[in-house]
Every structure is written in structure tokens, then in C-alpha cells.
């Protein structure tokens, strides 16, 4: 026992120094950007989708030819990795970076089909991006903000990042399973399906023919500014639902969340078996 105590006394200071060093290196050490921002064009094969892993921000604009331009501090630009895997441009960041002035990738793309965000990097559009069908997946904390002209959008939020879009003229399917919010403006929808199973909120502005809502969590669905014809609501959560309907309203509430409707619906069929109430 005495020998064990002697050994512990000998190695204890070394352990303290080791763990302290690990903590300090994570908080203090890391490459500091030079603040001298340079631009570097990357030669890559064509792609139609973008996947972001890490802290790098991405700006998307539409053009005839695919192009990838990296903007960063000159001593950090090598840390931004861009490569094409299948149909995806994959953007990642390598190394330990303490601070920077610019850490961005400008992407010019002819046809955009999918965006996936797995880190904290943000995505935004420069101008309007047009196309037929787009899928957006947010699994991290990065935000997506796009001006669009698309016929169909599928949006999935599983993390804390937000999605904000405009210009959907057809169908929309949004699934909110995380804490991130979804906002859509200037939409003209034939079919609108929204599912909220997390804490994220939904806000929309425009018009819709058919709206299907499923709420099973604490997130709110705020569609006061979405002028709708026919609305179907299934709510078993604690979040509130707000709709604006002029055709038929069909609602089934089994949780504590309330339903408030605006407009002048032709027919109203609502039933609450929980503590939630229905207001006009």
C-alpha cells in the first residue's frame, strides 16, 4: 500500500499538467486567422447538391457553369476542404482554428437539387435560385436562408438550425423534429404538409389549396398569414396551431395545445378530447 501511495504521489502532478494542458489547448491554442482575406478558385467536377460539415459558410448563386470559389484568411484557406462525392459538393473544415475574418465558399450551380447541413455553417442564396424540386436537410446548428422559385420543396429539420425560404409555387412538405424553426413566405401551394415533432416553430405566408398539419410536440404552427382553402389538423402535443381557412376545417385535438382559426370556413368539424381548446 505504501508503494502504491508513493507511485500515485509521483504521477499525480503529471496527470494534473496533462489534463490542464488538454483543456487549455482546446480553449487557447488553435490557428489565428491573418485577417488577410484571399480568394481561391477550385477546379472540381460538376455537382447538383451541397453537403456542409463544419463551420464553413456557403453562398449559392445560379449560373450556367458550376464554380467553387473559397474566401478565407490566407493562412486558413487550406483548411477549407472541397470535394465532389457523387452528386454532392462536400464542404468541410480541417484543423483547430481559433479565429478568422472570413471562412466562406461561394458556389455557382446550374441545377440545385439538395442541401444538407451537418455542422454550424450557414447557407444563403445570392439572388433567386430556380428549379423544379429541392430537398433541404438540417442536422446541425447551421441556418439556411434561400430566395427560391421552385415547384416542390421537402424540408427536414433534425437539429437546432433554422430554415427560411421564399418562392415555393407548388407543393411543400416540412418535417420539424428538432428545435430549429421553419419559415416560408411568398408561397402559392397546391399541397402543404407540415409535421412538428420537436420544439421548432413553423410560420408561413401566402396561399394554399390543401393543408395537412400534424403536431405532436411543443412547437407552434402559425399559419395566420397563409390563406388556405381546406385544412386538416391532427394535434396531440402542447403546441398551439393557428390557421386561416375559407373552405373546410377538420381538426382533431387530443393534447393540451389550442387551435385558433381565422377566416370564414364553409364547414367546421372539430373535436377536442384533450385539454386543448378551439377558438375563432
C-alpha atoms as a PDB file:
ATOM      1  CA  UNK A   1       0.000   0.000   0.000  1.00  0.00           C
ATOM      2  CA  UNK A   2       2.880   2.336   0.843  1.00  0.00           C
ATOM      3  CA  UNK A   3       4.447   1.684  -2.564  1.00  0.00           C
ATOM      4  CA  UNK A   4       1.129   2.472  -4.287  1.00  0.00           C
ATOM      5  CA  UNK A   5       0.845   5.776  -2.439  1.00  0.00           C
ATOM      6  CA  UNK A   6       4.380   6.639  -3.469  1.00  0.00           C
ATOM      7  CA  UNK A   7       3.599   5.942  -7.125  1.00  0.00           C
ATOM      8  CA  UNK A   8       0.403   7.999  -7.012  1.00  0.00           C
ATOM      9  CA  UNK A   9       2.212  10.933  -5.453  1.00  0.00           C
ATOM     10  CA  UNK A  10       4.782  10.745  -8.217  1.00  0.00           C
ATOM     11  CA  UNK A  11       2.348  10.670 -11.156  1.00  0.00           C
ATOM     12  CA  UNK A  12      -0.377  12.955  -9.766  1.00  0.00           C
ATOM     13  CA  UNK A  13       1.374  16.234 -10.730  1.00  0.00           C
ATOM     14  CA  UNK A  14       1.972  14.873 -14.219  1.00  0.00           C
ATOM     15  CA  UNK A  15      -1.707  13.981 -14.591  1.00  0.00           C
ATOM     16  CA  UNK A  16      -2.759  17.460 -13.470  1.00  0.00           C
ATOM     17  CA  UNK A  17      -0.431  19.051 -16.016  1.00  0.00           C
ATOM     18  CA  UNK A  18      -1.684  16.718 -18.759  1.00  0.00           C
ATOM     19  CA  UNK A  19      -5.394  17.352 -18.243  1.00  0.00           C
ATOM     20  CA  UNK A  20      -4.882  21.072 -17.733  1.00  0.00           C
ATOM     21  CA  UNK A  21      -2.864  21.179 -20.926  1.00  0.00           C
ATOM     22  CA  UNK A  22      -5.620  19.416 -22.827  1.00  0.00           C
ATOM     23  CA  UNK A  23      -8.198  21.934 -21.620  1.00  0.00           C
ATOM     24  CA  UNK A  24      -6.015  24.945 -22.324  1.00  0.00           C
ATOM     25  CA  UNK A  25      -5.074  23.716 -25.790  1.00  0.00           C
ATOM     26  CA  UNK A  26      -8.740  23.425 -26.710  1.00  0.00           C
ATOM     27  CA  UNK A  27      -9.598  26.903 -25.452  1.00  0.00           C
ATOM     28  CA  UNK A  28      -6.481  28.935 -26.220  1.00  0.00           C
ATOM     29  CA  UNK A  29      -4.447  27.209 -28.882  1.00  0.00           C
ATOM     30  CA  UNK A  30      -5.503  26.924 -32.496  1.00  0.00           C
ATOM     31  CA  UNK A  31      -4.627  28.842 -35.614  1.00  0.00           C
ATOM     32  CA  UNK A  32      -5.460  32.531 -35.613  1.00  0.00           C
ATOM     33  CA  UNK A  33      -6.505  33.979 -38.948  1.00  0.00           C
ATOM     34  CA  UNK A  34      -4.192  36.543 -40.521  1.00  0.00           C
ATOM     35  CA  UNK A  35      -7.151  38.809 -41.431  1.00  0.00           C
ATOM     36  CA  UNK A  36      -5.669  38.995 -44.937  1.00  0.00           C
ATOM     37  CA  UNK A  37      -8.541  37.511 -46.954  1.00  0.00           C
ATOM     38  CA  UNK A  38      -7.739  35.914 -50.296  1.00  0.00           C
ATOM     39  CA  UNK A  39      -9.837  34.191 -52.969  1.00  0.00           C
ATOM     40  CA  UNK A  40      -9.082  30.779 -54.436  1.00  0.00           C
ATOM     41  CA  UNK A  41     -10.979  29.069 -57.252  1.00  0.00           C
ATOM     42  CA  UNK A  42     -11.216  25.288 -57.013  1.00  0.00           C
ATOM     43  CA  UNK A  43     -11.434  23.093 -60.115  1.00  0.00           C
ATOM     44  CA  UNK A  44     -13.991  20.365 -59.423  1.00  0.00           C
ATOM     45  CA  UNK A  45     -16.342  18.051 -61.345  1.00  0.00           C
ATOM     46  CA  UNK A  46     -19.982  19.048 -61.814  1.00  0.00           C
ATOM     47  CA  UNK A  47     -22.464  18.524 -58.981  1.00  0.00           C
ATOM     48  CA  UNK A  48     -26.105  19.353 -58.244  1.00  0.00           C
ATOM     49  CA  UNK A  49     -26.218  19.122 -54.440  1.00  0.00           C
ATOM     50  CA  UNK A  50     -24.303  20.580 -51.490  1.00  0.00           C
ATOM     51  CA  UNK A  51     -23.360  18.999 -48.149  1.00  0.00           C
ATOM     52  CA  UNK A  52     -21.770  21.070 -45.366  1.00  0.00           C
ATOM     53  CA  UNK A  53     -19.832  19.601 -42.453  1.00  0.00           C
ATOM     54  CA  UNK A  54     -18.254  22.018 -40.008  1.00  0.00           C
ATOM     55  CA  UNK A  55     -18.166  25.781 -39.616  1.00  0.00           C
ATOM     56  CA  UNK A  56     -17.767  26.923 -43.213  1.00  0.00           C
ATOM     57  CA  UNK A  57     -20.472  29.247 -44.573  1.00  0.00           C
ATOM     58  CA  UNK A  58     -21.745  28.700 -48.115  1.00  0.00           C
ATOM     59  CA  UNK A  59     -23.257  31.246 -50.502  1.00  0.00           C
ATOM     60  CA  UNK A  60     -25.145  29.835 -53.501  1.00  0.00           C
ATOM     61  CA  UNK A  61     -25.903  31.576 -56.752  1.00  0.00           C
ATOM     62  CA  UNK A  62     -27.256  30.211 -60.015  1.00  0.00           C
ATOM     63  CA  UNK A  63     -25.281  30.295 -63.227  1.00  0.00           C
ATOM     64  CA  UNK A  64     -24.635  28.430 -66.450  1.00  0.00           C
ATOM     65  CA  UNK A  65     -21.429  26.776 -65.254  1.00  0.00           C
ATOM     66  CA  UNK A  66     -20.529  25.148 -61.957  1.00  0.00           C
ATOM     67  CA  UNK A  67     -17.869  27.010 -59.986  1.00  0.00           C
ATOM     68  CA  UNK A  68     -16.441  26.889 -56.460  1.00  0.00           C
ATOM     69  CA  UNK A  69     -14.593  29.873 -55.003  1.00  0.00           C
ATOM     70  CA  UNK A  70     -13.153  29.824 -51.480  1.00  0.00           C
ATOM     71  CA  UNK A  71     -12.696  33.032 -49.481  1.00  0.00           C
ATOM     72  CA  UNK A  72     -10.677  32.896 -46.274  1.00  0.00           C
ATOM     73  CA  UNK A  73      -7.691  34.282 -44.386  1.00  0.00           C
ATOM     74  CA  UNK A  74      -4.607  33.378 -46.408  1.00  0.00           C
ATOM     75  CA  UNK A  75      -3.193  31.128 -43.673  1.00  0.00           C
ATOM     76  CA  UNK A  76      -6.502  29.269 -43.265  1.00  0.00           C
ATOM     77  CA  UNK A  77      -7.692  28.777 -46.823  1.00  0.00           C
ATOM     78  CA  UNK A  78      -6.045  25.354 -46.970  1.00  0.00           C
ATOM     79  CA  UNK A  79      -8.226  24.268 -44.037  1.00  0.00           C
ATOM     80  CA  UNK A  80     -11.381  24.513 -46.167  1.00  0.00           C
ATOM     81  CA  UNK A  81     -11.747  21.214 -47.996  1.00  0.00           C
ATOM     82  CA  UNK A  82     -13.994  20.996 -51.062  1.00  0.00           C
ATOM     83  CA  UNK A  83     -14.548  17.735 -52.909  1.00  0.00           C
ATOM     84  CA  UNK A  84     -17.238  16.101 -55.012  1.00  0.00           C
ATOM     85  CA  UNK A  85     -18.745  12.804 -53.869  1.00  0.00           C
ATOM     86  CA  UNK A  86     -21.398  11.532 -56.250  1.00  0.00           C
ATOM     87  CA  UNK A  87     -23.812  14.404 -56.901  1.00  0.00           C
ATOM     88  CA  UNK A  88     -22.695  16.317 -53.796  1.00  0.00           C
ATOM     89  CA  UNK A  89     -20.175  19.061 -53.293  1.00  0.00           C
ATOM     90  CA  UNK A  90     -18.903  18.291 -49.782  1.00  0.00           C
ATOM     91  CA  UNK A  91     -17.514  21.237 -47.810  1.00  0.00           C
ATOM     92  CA  UNK A  92     -15.557  20.513 -44.627  1.00  0.00           C
ATOM     93  CA  UNK A  93     -13.110  22.334 -42.367  1.00  0.00           C
ATOM     94  CA  UNK A  94      -9.933  20.726 -41.028  1.00  0.00           C
ATOM     95  CA  UNK A  95      -7.647  21.588 -38.149  1.00  0.00           C
ATOM     96  CA  UNK A  96      -8.045  23.628 -34.992  1.00  0.00           C
ATOM     97  CA  UNK A  97      -8.977  27.225 -35.779  1.00  0.00           C
ATOM     98  CA  UNK A  98      -9.232  29.863 -33.081  1.00  0.00           C
ATOM     99  CA  UNK A  99     -10.472  32.878 -35.043  1.00  0.00           C
ATOM    100  CA  UNK A 100     -10.814  34.155 -38.603  1.00  0.00           C
ATOM    101  CA  UNK A 101     -12.041  37.102 -40.623  1.00  0.00           C
ATOM    102  CA  UNK A 102     -13.593  35.110 -43.485  1.00  0.00           C
ATOM    103  CA  UNK A 103     -14.408  31.421 -43.877  1.00  0.00           C
ATOM    104  CA  UNK A 104     -16.735  31.079 -46.858  1.00  0.00           C
ATOM    105  CA  UNK A 105     -17.352  29.129 -50.043  1.00  0.00           C
ATOM    106  CA  UNK A 106     -19.141  30.774 -52.968  1.00  0.00           C
ATOM    107  CA  UNK A 107     -20.869  28.160 -55.117  1.00  0.00           C
ATOM    108  CA  UNK A 108     -22.213  28.773 -58.607  1.00  0.00           C
ATOM    109  CA  UNK A 109     -24.535  25.991 -59.697  1.00  0.00           C
ATOM    110  CA  UNK A 110     -26.755  25.413 -62.706  1.00  0.00           C
ATOM    111  CA  UNK A 111     -29.230  22.988 -61.119  1.00  0.00           C
ATOM    112  CA  UNK A 112     -29.741  22.653 -57.365  1.00  0.00           C
ATOM    113  CA  UNK A 113     -31.435  19.521 -56.024  1.00  0.00           C
ATOM    114  CA  UNK A 114     -30.386  19.118 -52.389  1.00  0.00           C
ATOM    115  CA  UNK A 115     -28.749  20.903 -49.457  1.00  0.00           C
ATOM    116  CA  UNK A 116     -27.565  19.096 -46.321  1.00  0.00           C
ATOM    117  CA  UNK A 117     -26.195  20.868 -43.242  1.00  0.00           C
ATOM    118  CA  UNK A 118     -24.438  18.770 -40.585  1.00  0.00           C
ATOM    119  CA  UNK A 119     -22.444  21.461 -38.808  1.00  0.00           C
ATOM    120  CA  UNK A 120     -22.689  25.102 -37.802  1.00  0.00           C
ATOM    121  CA  UNK A 121     -22.052  26.580 -41.233  1.00  0.00           C
ATOM    122  CA  UNK A 122     -24.798  28.776 -42.663  1.00  0.00           C
ATOM    123  CA  UNK A 123     -26.199  28.664 -46.206  1.00  0.00           C
ATOM    124  CA  UNK A 124     -27.678  31.612 -48.065  1.00  0.00           C
ATOM    125  CA  UNK A 125     -28.548  32.471 -51.640  1.00  0.00           C
ATOM    126  CA  UNK A 126     -27.280  35.322 -53.749  1.00  0.00           C
ATOM    127  CA  UNK A 127     -30.248  36.212 -55.925  1.00  0.00           C
ATOM    128  CA  UNK A 128     -33.070  33.809 -56.757  1.00  0.00           C
ATOM    129  CA  UNK A 129     -32.396  30.088 -57.264  1.00  0.00           C
ATOM    130  CA  UNK A 130     -34.925  28.416 -59.562  1.00  0.00           C
ATOM    131  CA  UNK A 131     -35.664  24.790 -60.279  1.00  0.00           C
ATOM    132  CA  UNK A 132     -38.240  22.016 -60.044  1.00  0.00           C
ATOM    133  CA  UNK A 133     -37.667  20.079 -56.821  1.00  0.00           C
ATOM    134  CA  UNK A 134     -35.426  20.821 -53.823  1.00  0.00           C
ATOM    135  CA  UNK A 135     -34.640  18.912 -50.634  1.00  0.00           C
ATOM    136  CA  UNK A 136     -33.190  20.651 -47.557  1.00  0.00           C
ATOM    137  CA  UNK A 137     -31.887  18.738 -44.535  1.00  0.00           C
ATOM    138  CA  UNK A 138     -30.605  20.440 -41.369  1.00  0.00           C
ATOM    139  CA  UNK A 139     -28.992  18.103 -38.847  1.00  0.00           C
ATOM    140  CA  UNK A 140     -26.809  20.709 -37.159  1.00  0.00           C
ATOM    141  CA  UNK A 141     -26.987  24.287 -35.920  1.00  0.00           C
ATOM    142  CA  UNK A 142     -26.364  25.982 -39.249  1.00  0.00           C
ATOM    143  CA  UNK A 143     -29.126  28.131 -40.732  1.00  0.00           C
ATOM    144  CA  UNK A 144     -30.427  28.027 -44.318  1.00  0.00           C
ATOM    145  CA  UNK A 145     -31.858  31.179 -45.920  1.00  0.00           C
ATOM    146  CA  UNK A 146     -32.842  31.000 -49.589  1.00  0.00           C
ATOM    147  CA  UNK A 147     -34.791  33.010 -52.148  1.00  0.00           C
ATOM    148  CA  UNK A 148     -36.296  30.383 -54.419  1.00  0.00           C
ATOM    149  CA  UNK A 149     -38.531  29.754 -57.389  1.00  0.00           C
ATOM    150  CA  UNK A 150     -39.264  26.032 -57.061  1.00  0.00           C
ATOM    151  CA  UNK A 151     -42.254  23.780 -57.725  1.00  0.00           C
ATOM    152  CA  UNK A 152     -41.642  21.432 -54.806  1.00  0.00           C
ATOM    153  CA  UNK A 153     -39.755  21.669 -51.517  1.00  0.00           C
ATOM    154  CA  UNK A 154     -39.067  18.987 -48.934  1.00  0.00           C
ATOM    155  CA  UNK A 155     -37.566  20.337 -45.705  1.00  0.00           C
ATOM    156  CA  UNK A 156     -36.368  18.303 -42.717  1.00  0.00           C
ATOM    157  CA  UNK A 157     -35.048  19.868 -39.512  1.00  0.00           C
ATOM    158  CA  UNK A 158     -33.499  17.456 -37.007  1.00  0.00           C
ATOM    159  CA  UNK A 159     -31.189  19.932 -35.293  1.00  0.00           C
ATOM    160  CA  UNK A 160     -31.280  23.497 -33.977  1.00  0.00           C
ATOM    161  CA  UNK A 161     -30.650  25.237 -37.283  1.00  0.00           C
ATOM    162  CA  UNK A 162     -33.408  27.271 -38.920  1.00  0.00           C
ATOM    163  CA  UNK A 163     -34.727  27.167 -42.486  1.00  0.00           C
ATOM    164  CA  UNK A 164     -36.112  30.327 -44.082  1.00  0.00           C
ATOM    165  CA  UNK A 165     -37.264  30.219 -47.695  1.00  0.00           C
ATOM    166  CA  UNK A 166     -39.433  32.138 -50.132  1.00  0.00           C
ATOM    167  CA  UNK A 167     -40.932  31.397 -53.521  1.00  0.00           C
ATOM    168  CA  UNK A 168     -42.421  27.878 -53.475  1.00  0.00           C
ATOM    169  CA  UNK A 169     -45.121  27.548 -56.131  1.00  0.00           C
ATOM    170  CA  UNK A 170     -46.477  24.019 -55.932  1.00  0.00           C
ATOM    171  CA  UNK A 171     -46.035  21.503 -53.106  1.00  0.00           C
ATOM    172  CA  UNK A 172     -44.345  21.737 -49.716  1.00  0.00           C
ATOM    173  CA  UNK A 173     -43.520  19.023 -47.194  1.00  0.00           C
ATOM    174  CA  UNK A 174     -41.876  20.156 -43.935  1.00  0.00           C
ATOM    175  CA  UNK A 175     -40.882  17.891 -41.040  1.00  0.00           C
ATOM    176  CA  UNK A 176     -39.692  19.553 -37.837  1.00  0.00           C
ATOM    177  CA  UNK A 177     -38.130  17.007 -35.492  1.00  0.00           C
ATOM    178  CA  UNK A 178     -35.656  19.308 -33.749  1.00  0.00           C
ATOM    179  CA  UNK A 179     -35.635  22.766 -32.191  1.00  0.00           C
ATOM    180  CA  UNK A 180     -34.968  24.691 -35.392  1.00  0.00           C
ATOM    181  CA  UNK A 181     -37.679  26.901 -36.885  1.00  0.00           C
ATOM    182  CA  UNK A 182     -39.124  26.786 -40.404  1.00  0.00           C
ATOM    183  CA  UNK A 183     -40.375  29.910 -42.179  1.00  0.00           C
ATOM    184  CA  UNK A 184     -41.743  30.238 -45.701  1.00  0.00           C
ATOM    185  CA  UNK A 185     -43.013  33.396 -47.382  1.00  0.00           C
ATOM    186  CA  UNK A 186     -44.479  34.273 -50.775  1.00  0.00           C
ATOM    187  CA  UNK A 187     -45.731  30.736 -51.350  1.00  0.00           C
ATOM    188  CA  UNK A 188     -48.564  29.557 -53.596  1.00  0.00           C
ATOM    189  CA  UNK A 189     -49.190  25.950 -52.707  1.00  0.00           C
ATOM    190  CA  UNK A 190     -51.380  23.202 -54.055  1.00  0.00           C
ATOM    191  CA  UNK A 191     -50.473  20.717 -51.343  1.00  0.00           C
ATOM    192  CA  UNK A 192     -48.939  21.670 -47.981  1.00  0.00           C
ATOM    193  CA  UNK A 193     -47.944  19.031 -45.419  1.00  0.00           C
ATOM    194  CA  UNK A 194     -46.362  20.001 -42.106  1.00  0.00           C
ATOM    195  CA  UNK A 195     -45.319  17.695 -39.278  1.00  0.00           C
ATOM    196  CA  UNK A 196     -43.951  19.048 -35.986  1.00  0.00           C
ATOM    197  CA  UNK A 197     -42.490  16.508 -33.560  1.00  0.00           C
ATOM    198  CA  UNK A 198     -39.971  18.814 -31.900  1.00  0.00           C
ATOM    199  CA  UNK A 199     -39.716  22.245 -30.301  1.00  0.00           C
ATOM    200  CA  UNK A 200     -39.287  24.110 -33.571  1.00  0.00           C
ATOM    201  CA  UNK A 201     -41.938  26.536 -34.786  1.00  0.00           C
ATOM    202  CA  UNK A 202     -43.462  26.975 -38.243  1.00  0.00           C
ATOM    203  CA  UNK A 203     -44.515  30.270 -39.833  1.00  0.00           C
ATOM    204  CA  UNK A 204     -45.835  30.697 -43.374  1.00  0.00           C
ATOM    205  CA  UNK A 205     -47.211  33.451 -45.580  1.00  0.00           C
ATOM    206  CA  UNK A 206     -49.010  33.125 -48.897  1.00  0.00           C
ATOM    207  CA  UNK A 207     -51.801  30.829 -50.075  1.00  0.00           C
ATOM    208  CA  UNK A 208     -52.543  27.110 -50.122  1.00  0.00           C
ATOM    209  CA  UNK A 209     -55.281  24.863 -51.500  1.00  0.00           C
ATOM    210  CA  UNK A 210     -54.898  21.851 -49.192  1.00  0.00           C
ATOM    211  CA  UNK A 211     -53.124  21.978 -45.814  1.00  0.00           C
ATOM    212  CA  UNK A 212     -52.384  18.892 -43.696  1.00  0.00           C
ATOM    213  CA  UNK A 213     -50.987  19.575 -40.206  1.00  0.00           C
ATOM    214  CA  UNK A 214     -49.680  17.087 -37.652  1.00  0.00           C
ATOM    215  CA  UNK A 215     -48.428  18.423 -34.325  1.00  0.00           C
ATOM    216  CA  UNK A 216     -47.153  16.042 -31.653  1.00  0.00           C
ATOM    217  CA  UNK A 217     -44.823  18.224 -29.583  1.00  0.00           C
ATOM    218  CA  UNK A 218     -44.362  21.705 -28.131  1.00  0.00           C
ATOM    219  CA  UNK A 219     -43.633  23.530 -31.366  1.00  0.00           C
ATOM    220  CA  UNK A 220     -46.147  26.046 -32.713  1.00  0.00           C
ATOM    221  CA  UNK A 221     -47.670  26.145 -36.188  1.00  0.00           C
ATOM    222  CA  UNK A 222     -48.508  29.730 -37.114  1.00  0.00           C
ATOM    223  CA  UNK A 223     -50.331  29.972 -40.432  1.00  0.00           C
ATOM    224  CA  UNK A 224     -52.408  33.101 -39.850  1.00  0.00           C
ATOM    225  CA  UNK A 225     -50.914  34.631 -42.993  1.00  0.00           C
ATOM    226  CA  UNK A 226     -51.340  31.520 -45.122  1.00  0.00           C
ATOM    227  CA  UNK A 227     -54.765  31.905 -46.770  1.00  0.00           C
ATOM    228  CA  UNK A 228     -55.965  28.318 -47.096  1.00  0.00           C
ATOM    229  CA  UNK A 229     -58.936  26.571 -48.645  1.00  0.00           C
ATOM    230  CA  UNK A 230     -59.131  23.196 -46.900  1.00  0.00           C
ATOM    231  CA  UNK A 231     -57.279  22.494 -43.636  1.00  0.00           C
ATOM    232  CA  UNK A 232     -56.891  19.259 -41.705  1.00  0.00           C
ATOM    233  CA  UNK A 233     -55.331  19.377 -38.216  1.00  0.00           C
ATOM    234  CA  UNK A 234     -54.172  16.461 -36.068  1.00  0.00           C
ATOM    235  CA  UNK A 235     -52.748  17.717 -32.768  1.00  0.00           C
ATOM    236  CA  UNK A 236     -51.623  15.601 -29.817  1.00  0.00           C
ATOM    237  CA  UNK A 237     -48.991  17.931 -28.409  1.00  0.00           C
ATOM    238  CA  UNK A 238     -48.792  21.057 -26.276  1.00  0.00           C
ATOM    239  CA  UNK A 239     -48.054  23.489 -29.079  1.00  0.00           C
ATOM    240  CA  UNK A 240     -50.723  25.816 -30.433  1.00  0.00           C
ATOM    241  CA  UNK A 241     -51.954  25.853 -34.036  1.00  0.00           C
ATOM    242  CA  UNK A 242     -53.129  28.967 -35.894  1.00  0.00           C
ATOM    243  CA  UNK A 243     -54.752  28.717 -39.328  1.00  0.00           C
ATOM    244  CA  UNK A 244     -56.609  30.926 -41.797  1.00  0.00           C
ATOM    245  CA  UNK A 245     -59.220  28.943 -43.706  1.00  0.00           C
ATOM    246  CA  UNK A 246     -62.014  29.790 -46.138  1.00  0.00           C
ATOM    247  CA  UNK A 247     -63.133  26.302 -47.184  1.00  0.00           C
ATOM    248  CA  UNK A 248     -63.385  23.334 -44.834  1.00  0.00           C
ATOM    249  CA  UNK A 249     -61.728  22.926 -41.433  1.00  0.00           C
ATOM    250  CA  UNK A 250     -61.332  19.463 -39.965  1.00  0.00           C
ATOM    251  CA  UNK A 251     -59.488  19.167 -36.648  1.00  0.00           C
ATOM    252  CA  UNK A 252     -58.858  16.522 -34.006  1.00  0.00           C
ATOM    253  CA  UNK A 253     -57.154  17.644 -30.783  1.00  0.00           C
ATOM    254  CA  UNK A 254     -56.024  15.164 -28.134  1.00  0.00           C
ATOM    255  CA  UNK A 255     -53.335  17.152 -26.331  1.00  0.00           C
ATOM    256  CA  UNK A 256     -53.100  20.420 -24.424  1.00  0.00           C
ATOM    257  CA  UNK A 257     -52.432  22.616 -27.442  1.00  0.00           C
ATOM    258  CA  UNK A 258     -55.075  25.051 -28.667  1.00  0.00           C
ATOM    259  CA  UNK A 259     -56.399  25.684 -32.168  1.00  0.00           C
ATOM    260  CA  UNK A 260     -57.323  29.170 -33.318  1.00  0.00           C
ATOM    261  CA  UNK A 261     -58.734  29.755 -36.787  1.00  0.00           C
ATOM    262  CA  UNK A 262     -59.261  32.889 -38.827  1.00  0.00           C
ATOM    263  CA  UNK A 263     -61.291  33.358 -41.989  1.00  0.00           C
ATOM    264  CA  UNK A 264     -64.798  32.220 -42.834  1.00  0.00           C
ATOM    265  CA  UNK A 265     -64.766  28.469 -43.393  1.00  0.00           C
ATOM    266  CA  UNK A 266     -67.745  26.955 -45.181  1.00  0.00           C
ATOM    267  CA  UNK A 267     -67.697  23.913 -42.908  1.00  0.00           C
ATOM    268  CA  UNK A 268     -66.133  23.279 -39.495  1.00  0.00           C
ATOM    269  CA  UNK A 269     -65.689  19.810 -37.988  1.00  0.00           C
ATOM    270  CA  UNK A 270     -63.579  19.961 -34.818  1.00  0.00           C
ATOM    271  CA  UNK A 271     -63.276  17.627 -31.843  1.00  0.00           C
ATOM    272  CA  UNK A 272     -61.113  18.042 -28.756  1.00  0.00           C
ATOM    273  CA  UNK A 273     -60.627  15.073 -26.421  1.00  0.00           C
ATOM    274  CA  UNK A 274     -57.764  16.664 -24.514  1.00  0.00           C
ATOM    275  CA  UNK A 275     -57.391  19.915 -22.590  1.00  0.00           C
ATOM    276  CA  UNK A 276     -56.815  21.985 -25.716  1.00  0.00           C
ATOM    277  CA  UNK A 277     -59.495  24.415 -26.877  1.00  0.00           C
ATOM    278  CA  UNK A 278     -60.721  25.733 -30.228  1.00  0.00           C
ATOM    279  CA  UNK A 279     -61.080  29.484 -30.774  1.00  0.00           C
ATOM    280  CA  UNK A 280     -62.255  31.684 -33.612  1.00  0.00           C
END
